[in-house]
């Protein structure tokens, strides 16, 4: 199983980005899928997760601004990030089951 994350980049405060995580190989529909982030000097933290039946969780810091979704047919996980803040700057990682994708850098700056 391999996960390929994309969609990171530079955004202005208040802007939006959409992250994608495409999975290849044998991926179980039942695996919990999530997005994590790690800012410089900080521990990696869970941003959002989604179960196979669509139950979602969000970190308090992103509630109402970030939205997670999944496309089982495409084995792809998404994270829509709106109203971005400088404190959202971090490397974002996707995870499906126990498999991590490579990180994608998100920088929020004017």
C-alpha atoms as a PDB file:
ATOM      1  CA  UNK A   1       0.000   0.000   0.000  1.00  0.00           C
ATOM      2  CA  UNK A   2       1.249   3.453  -0.887  1.00  0.00           C
ATOM      3  CA  UNK A   3      -0.273   6.813  -0.142  1.00  0.00           C
ATOM      4  CA  UNK A   4       0.479   9.895  -2.195  1.00  0.00           C
ATOM      5  CA  UNK A   5      -0.454  13.220  -0.683  1.00  0.00           C
ATOM      6  CA  UNK A   6      -0.763  16.377  -2.729  1.00  0.00           C
ATOM      7  CA  UNK A   7      -2.349  19.794  -2.741  1.00  0.00           C
ATOM      8  CA  UNK A   8      -0.154  21.625  -0.288  1.00  0.00           C
ATOM      9  CA  UNK A   9       1.374  24.974  -1.013  1.00  0.00           C
ATOM     10  CA  UNK A  10       1.334  28.591  -0.048  1.00  0.00           C
ATOM     11  CA  UNK A  11      -1.924  30.277   0.865  1.00  0.00           C
ATOM     12  CA  UNK A  12      -2.783  33.673   2.267  1.00  0.00           C
ATOM     13  CA  UNK A  13      -4.592  33.974   5.565  1.00  0.00           C
ATOM     14  CA  UNK A  14      -8.272  33.441   4.903  1.00  0.00           C
ATOM     15  CA  UNK A  15      -7.536  31.393   1.834  1.00  0.00           C
ATOM     16  CA  UNK A  16      -8.276  27.790   1.014  1.00  0.00           C
ATOM     17  CA  UNK A  17      -6.414  24.669  -0.012  1.00  0.00           C
ATOM     18  CA  UNK A  18      -7.572  21.160  -0.754  1.00  0.00           C
ATOM     19  CA  UNK A  19      -5.351  18.253   0.120  1.00  0.00           C
ATOM     20  CA  UNK A  20      -5.693  14.885  -1.557  1.00  0.00           C
ATOM     21  CA  UNK A  21      -4.297  11.514  -0.550  1.00  0.00           C
ATOM     22  CA  UNK A  22      -4.430   8.842  -3.214  1.00  0.00           C
ATOM     23  CA  UNK A  23      -3.976   5.270  -2.147  1.00  0.00           C
ATOM     24  CA  UNK A  24      -2.716   2.400  -4.235  1.00  0.00           C
ATOM     25  CA  UNK A  25      -2.535  -1.257  -3.400  1.00  0.00           C
ATOM     26  CA  UNK A  26      -4.757  -3.248  -1.111  1.00  0.00           C
ATOM     27  CA  UNK A  27      -6.629  -0.757   1.021  1.00  0.00           C
ATOM     28  CA  UNK A  28      -9.450  -1.829   3.244  1.00  0.00           C
ATOM     29  CA  UNK A  29     -12.618   0.186   3.014  1.00  0.00           C
ATOM     30  CA  UNK A  30     -12.945  -0.317   6.771  1.00  0.00           C
ATOM     31  CA  UNK A  31      -9.673   1.347   7.718  1.00  0.00           C
ATOM     32  CA  UNK A  32      -9.927   4.624   9.583  1.00  0.00           C
ATOM     33  CA  UNK A  33      -8.507   7.435   7.486  1.00  0.00           C
ATOM     34  CA  UNK A  34      -7.057  10.624   8.817  1.00  0.00           C
ATOM     35  CA  UNK A  35      -5.043  13.740   8.327  1.00  0.00           C
ATOM     36  CA  UNK A  36      -2.306  14.767  10.729  1.00  0.00           C
ATOM     37  CA  UNK A  37       0.001  17.738  10.806  1.00  0.00           C
ATOM     38  CA  UNK A  38       3.323  18.595  12.322  1.00  0.00           C
ATOM     39  CA  UNK A  39       4.587  22.120  12.737  1.00  0.00           C
ATOM     40  CA  UNK A  40       8.296  22.818  13.301  1.00  0.00           C
ATOM     41  CA  UNK A  41       9.279  21.912  16.822  1.00  0.00           C
ATOM     42  CA  UNK A  42       5.864  20.446  17.561  1.00  0.00           C
ATOM     43  CA  UNK A  43       4.509  16.947  17.867  1.00  0.00           C
ATOM     44  CA  UNK A  44       2.426  15.459  15.112  1.00  0.00           C
ATOM     45  CA  UNK A  45      -1.242  15.963  15.843  1.00  0.00           C
ATOM     46  CA  UNK A  46      -4.480  14.576  14.509  1.00  0.00           C
ATOM     47  CA  UNK A  47      -6.357  17.122  12.430  1.00  0.00           C
ATOM     48  CA  UNK A  48      -9.298  15.050  11.300  1.00  0.00           C
ATOM     49  CA  UNK A  49     -10.387  11.462  10.808  1.00  0.00           C
ATOM     50  CA  UNK A  50     -13.185   9.616   9.075  1.00  0.00           C
ATOM     51  CA  UNK A  51     -14.450   6.071   9.485  1.00  0.00           C
ATOM     52  CA  UNK A  52     -15.852   3.812   6.815  1.00  0.00           C
ATOM     53  CA  UNK A  53     -19.381   4.744   7.798  1.00  0.00           C
ATOM     54  CA  UNK A  54     -18.558   8.428   7.635  1.00  0.00           C
ATOM     55  CA  UNK A  55     -18.107   9.290  11.294  1.00  0.00           C
ATOM     56  CA  UNK A  56     -15.773  12.264  11.437  1.00  0.00           C
ATOM     57  CA  UNK A  57     -13.691  13.958  14.087  1.00  0.00           C
ATOM     58  CA  UNK A  58     -11.914  17.285  14.011  1.00  0.00           C
ATOM     59  CA  UNK A  59      -9.357  18.949  16.195  1.00  0.00           C
ATOM     60  CA  UNK A  60     -10.904  21.893  18.003  1.00  0.00           C
ATOM     61  CA  UNK A  61      -8.533  24.248  16.229  1.00  0.00           C
ATOM     62  CA  UNK A  62      -9.949  23.399  12.797  1.00  0.00           C
ATOM     63  CA  UNK A  63     -13.626  22.784  13.512  1.00  0.00           C
ATOM     64  CA  UNK A  64     -15.842  24.692  11.135  1.00  0.00           C
ATOM     65  CA  UNK A  65     -12.940  25.444   8.797  1.00  0.00           C
ATOM     66  CA  UNK A  66     -11.634  22.063   7.652  1.00  0.00           C
ATOM     67  CA  UNK A  67     -13.706  19.301   6.124  1.00  0.00           C
ATOM     68  CA  UNK A  68     -12.620  15.720   5.539  1.00  0.00           C
ATOM     69  CA  UNK A  69     -14.109  13.446   2.912  1.00  0.00           C
ATOM     70  CA  UNK A  70     -13.324  10.199   1.181  1.00  0.00           C
ATOM     71  CA  UNK A  71     -13.963   8.575  -2.167  1.00  0.00           C
ATOM     72  CA  UNK A  72     -13.843   4.838  -1.682  1.00  0.00           C
ATOM     73  CA  UNK A  73     -14.053   4.110  -5.389  1.00  0.00           C
ATOM     74  CA  UNK A  74     -10.924   6.167  -6.012  1.00  0.00           C
ATOM     75  CA  UNK A  75      -9.212   5.187  -2.731  1.00  0.00           C
ATOM     76  CA  UNK A  76      -8.726   8.889  -2.136  1.00  0.00           C
ATOM     77  CA  UNK A  77      -8.968  10.959   1.008  1.00  0.00           C
ATOM     78  CA  UNK A  78      -9.471  14.713   0.942  1.00  0.00           C
ATOM     79  CA  UNK A  79      -9.105  17.614   3.327  1.00  0.00           C
ATOM     80  CA  UNK A  80     -10.758  20.882   2.365  1.00  0.00           C
ATOM     81  CA  UNK A  81      -9.130  23.664   4.342  1.00  0.00           C
ATOM     82  CA  UNK A  82     -10.884  27.013   4.458  1.00  0.00           C
ATOM     83  CA  UNK A  83     -10.258  30.239   6.357  1.00  0.00           C
ATOM     84  CA  UNK A  84      -6.643  29.295   6.722  1.00  0.00           C
ATOM     85  CA  UNK A  85      -4.606  30.838   9.508  1.00  0.00           C
ATOM     86  CA  UNK A  86      -0.850  31.209   9.904  1.00  0.00           C
ATOM     87  CA  UNK A  87      -1.010  28.681  12.713  1.00  0.00           C
ATOM     88  CA  UNK A  88      -2.200  26.079  10.203  1.00  0.00           C
ATOM     89  CA  UNK A  89       1.280  26.115   8.729  1.00  0.00           C
ATOM     90  CA  UNK A  90       2.674  22.610   9.000  1.00  0.00           C
ATOM     91  CA  UNK A  91       3.528  19.480   7.098  1.00  0.00           C
ATOM     92  CA  UNK A  92       0.318  17.548   6.590  1.00  0.00           C
ATOM     93  CA  UNK A  93       0.281  13.759   6.496  1.00  0.00           C
ATOM     94  CA  UNK A  94      -2.451  11.342   5.551  1.00  0.00           C
ATOM     95  CA  UNK A  95      -2.873   7.984   7.166  1.00  0.00           C
ATOM     96  CA  UNK A  96      -5.014   5.022   6.209  1.00  0.00           C
ATOM     97  CA  UNK A  97      -5.051   2.248   8.739  1.00  0.00           C
ATOM     98  CA  UNK A  98      -1.420   2.000   9.831  1.00  0.00           C
ATOM     99  CA  UNK A  99       0.045   3.356   6.597  1.00  0.00           C
ATOM    100  CA  UNK A 100       1.403   6.885   6.407  1.00  0.00           C
ATOM    101  CA  UNK A 101       1.696   8.986   3.322  1.00  0.00           C
ATOM    102  CA  UNK A 102       4.538  11.355   2.698  1.00  0.00           C
ATOM    103  CA  UNK A 103       3.939  14.847   3.959  1.00  0.00           C
ATOM    104  CA  UNK A 104       2.800  17.844   1.998  1.00  0.00           C
ATOM    105  CA  UNK A 105       3.804  21.295   3.161  1.00  0.00           C
ATOM    106  CA  UNK A 106       1.122  23.876   3.866  1.00  0.00           C
ATOM    107  CA  UNK A 107       2.288  27.424   4.479  1.00  0.00           C
ATOM    108  CA  UNK A 108      -0.125  30.186   5.377  1.00  0.00           C
ATOM    109  CA  UNK A 109       1.425  33.594   5.094  1.00  0.00           C
ATOM    110  CA  UNK A 110       0.766  36.995   3.636  1.00  0.00           C
END
